[in-house]
Amino acid sequence: MSIGRTGWHEARRCWRDADDYDVDLIVRERRPAGDLTRLERVLVARGLHGQLPGTEIARIVGVTPRTVWRWAADGWKQAA
């Protein structure tokens, strides 16, 4: 069994990639988005922090409220 990268891995969006336009649009419109990378989720949550409660941010980015609170407590930079 090979542990190296496969075609499936190459086709997936990397969690380190973020589309700034999508992130800005979601933060501005405050609408839920389904297909976000991990980094995009963190960036959207960071952009909404202080504007909305953690439970609403969690609903928009598709994570649990605990995750949003943990990201904020960790200082956002470590989460991204």
C-alpha atoms as a PDB file:
ATOM      1  CA  MET A   1       0.000   0.000   0.000  1.00  0.00           C
ATOM      2  CA  SER A   2       1.386   3.354  -1.035  1.00  0.00           C
ATOM      3  CA  ILE A   3       1.293   6.278   1.384  1.00  0.00           C
ATOM      4  CA  GLY A   4       2.220   8.831  -1.293  1.00  0.00           C
ATOM      5  CA  ARG A   5      -0.156  11.295  -2.898  1.00  0.00           C
ATOM      6  CA  THR A   6      -2.765   9.892  -5.238  1.00  0.00           C
ATOM      7  CA  GLY A   7      -4.848  11.459  -7.972  1.00  0.00           C
ATOM      8  CA  TRP A   8      -7.675  11.856  -5.463  1.00  0.00           C
ATOM      9  CA  HIS A   9      -5.476  13.976  -3.228  1.00  0.00           C
ATOM     10  CA  GLU A  10      -4.279  16.068  -6.142  1.00  0.00           C
ATOM     11  CA  ALA A  11      -7.863  16.810  -7.247  1.00  0.00           C
ATOM     12  CA  ARG A  12      -9.009  17.999  -3.796  1.00  0.00           C
ATOM     13  CA  ARG A  13      -8.739  21.635  -2.795  1.00  0.00           C
ATOM     14  CA  CYS A  14      -5.988  22.058  -0.268  1.00  0.00           C
ATOM     15  CA  TRP A  15      -6.907  23.355   3.195  1.00  0.00           C
ATOM     16  CA  ARG A  16      -4.145  25.912   2.753  1.00  0.00           C
ATOM     17  CA  ASP A  17      -5.820  27.452  -0.327  1.00  0.00           C
ATOM     18  CA  ALA A  18      -8.308  30.282   0.110  1.00  0.00           C
ATOM     19  CA  ASP A  19     -10.281  32.291  -2.410  1.00  0.00           C
ATOM     20  CA  ASP A  20     -10.241  35.836  -1.008  1.00  0.00           C
ATOM     21  CA  TYR A  21     -13.231  36.856  -3.137  1.00  0.00           C
ATOM     22  CA  ASP A  22     -15.390  34.045  -1.712  1.00  0.00           C
ATOM     23  CA  VAL A  23     -14.283  34.814   1.837  1.00  0.00           C
ATOM     24  CA  ASP A  24     -15.103  38.528   1.463  1.00  0.00           C
ATOM     25  CA  LEU A  25     -18.466  37.757  -0.132  1.00  0.00           C
ATOM     26  CA  ILE A  26     -19.499  35.386   2.651  1.00  0.00           C
ATOM     27  CA  VAL A  27     -18.411  37.836   5.353  1.00  0.00           C
ATOM     28  CA  ARG A  28     -20.298  40.690   3.658  1.00  0.00           C
ATOM     29  CA  GLU A  29     -23.505  38.759   2.968  1.00  0.00           C
ATOM     30  CA  ARG A  30     -23.344  36.573   6.088  1.00  0.00           C
ATOM     31  CA  ARG A  31     -24.732  33.617   4.190  1.00  0.00           C
ATOM     32  CA  PRO A  32     -23.927  29.948   4.801  1.00  0.00           C
ATOM     33  CA  ALA A  33     -21.452  28.360   2.433  1.00  0.00           C
ATOM     34  CA  GLY A  34     -20.929  24.650   2.041  1.00  0.00           C
ATOM     35  CA  ASP A  35     -17.789  23.969   0.046  1.00  0.00           C
ATOM     36  CA  LEU A  36     -15.100  25.856   1.946  1.00  0.00           C
ATOM     37  CA  THR A  37     -11.580  24.778   2.682  1.00  0.00           C
ATOM     38  CA  ARG A  38     -10.512  24.738   6.322  1.00  0.00           C
ATOM     39  CA  LEU A  39      -8.567  27.948   5.835  1.00  0.00           C
ATOM     40  CA  GLU A  40     -11.584  29.667   4.255  1.00  0.00           C
ATOM     41  CA  ARG A  41     -13.748  28.619   7.204  1.00  0.00           C
ATOM     42  CA  VAL A  42     -11.255  30.146   9.634  1.00  0.00           C
ATOM     43  CA  LEU A  43     -10.949  33.354   7.599  1.00  0.00           C
ATOM     44  CA  VAL A  44     -14.730  33.776   7.377  1.00  0.00           C
ATOM     45  CA  ALA A  45     -15.104  33.106  11.110  1.00  0.00           C
ATOM     46  CA  ARG A  46     -12.351  35.621  11.860  1.00  0.00           C
ATOM     47  CA  GLY A  47     -14.039  38.194   9.621  1.00  0.00           C
ATOM     48  CA  LEU A  48     -17.391  37.732  11.378  1.00  0.00           C
ATOM     49  CA  HIS A  49     -15.937  37.664  14.899  1.00  0.00           C
ATOM     50  CA  GLY A  50     -17.210  40.592  16.922  1.00  0.00           C
ATOM     51  CA  GLN A  51     -20.120  41.166  14.532  1.00  0.00           C
ATOM     52  CA  LEU A  52     -22.146  38.016  15.249  1.00  0.00           C
ATOM     53  CA  PRO A  53     -22.483  35.553  18.114  1.00  0.00           C
ATOM     54  CA  GLY A  54     -20.354  32.404  17.942  1.00  0.00           C
ATOM     55  CA  THR A  55     -23.376  30.185  17.294  1.00  0.00           C
ATOM     56  CA  GLU A  56     -24.319  32.199  14.204  1.00  0.00           C
ATOM     57  CA  ILE A  57     -20.736  32.170  12.924  1.00  0.00           C
ATOM     58  CA  ALA A  58     -20.660  28.402  13.410  1.00  0.00           C
ATOM     59  CA  ARG A  59     -23.857  28.021  11.380  1.00  0.00           C
ATOM     60  CA  ILE A  60     -22.465  30.133   8.531  1.00  0.00           C
ATOM     61  CA  VAL A  61     -19.128  28.307   8.256  1.00  0.00           C
ATOM     62  CA  GLY A  62     -20.531  24.841   8.984  1.00  0.00           C
ATOM     63  CA  VAL A  63     -18.732  23.985  12.222  1.00  0.00           C
ATOM     64  CA  THR A  64     -19.789  23.628  15.843  1.00  0.00           C
ATOM     65  CA  PRO A  65     -19.928  26.681  18.122  1.00  0.00           C
ATOM     66  CA  ARG A  66     -17.198  25.051  20.220  1.00  0.00           C
ATOM     67  CA  THR A  67     -14.893  25.104  17.193  1.00  0.00           C
ATOM     68  CA  VAL A  68     -15.450  28.835  16.669  1.00  0.00           C
ATOM     69  CA  TRP A  69     -14.799  29.556  20.349  1.00  0.00           C
ATOM     70  CA  ARG A  70     -11.658  27.404  20.248  1.00  0.00           C
ATOM     71  CA  TRP A  71     -10.350  29.220  17.160  1.00  0.00           C
ATOM     72  CA  ALA A  72     -10.945  32.575  18.840  1.00  0.00           C
ATOM     73  CA  ALA A  73      -9.325  31.434  22.089  1.00  0.00           C
ATOM     74  CA  ASP A  74      -6.292  30.171  20.161  1.00  0.00           C
ATOM     75  CA  GLY A  75      -5.842  33.558  18.561  1.00  0.00           C
ATOM     76  CA  TRP A  76      -7.084  32.762  15.005  1.00  0.00           C
ATOM     77  CA  LYS A  77      -3.524  32.684  13.670  1.00  0.00           C
ATOM     78  CA  GLN A  78      -2.888  29.188  14.984  1.00  0.00           C
ATOM     79  CA  ALA A  79      -6.220  27.978  13.562  1.00  0.00           C
ATOM     80  CA  ALA A  80      -5.290  29.147  10.074  1.00  0.00           C
END
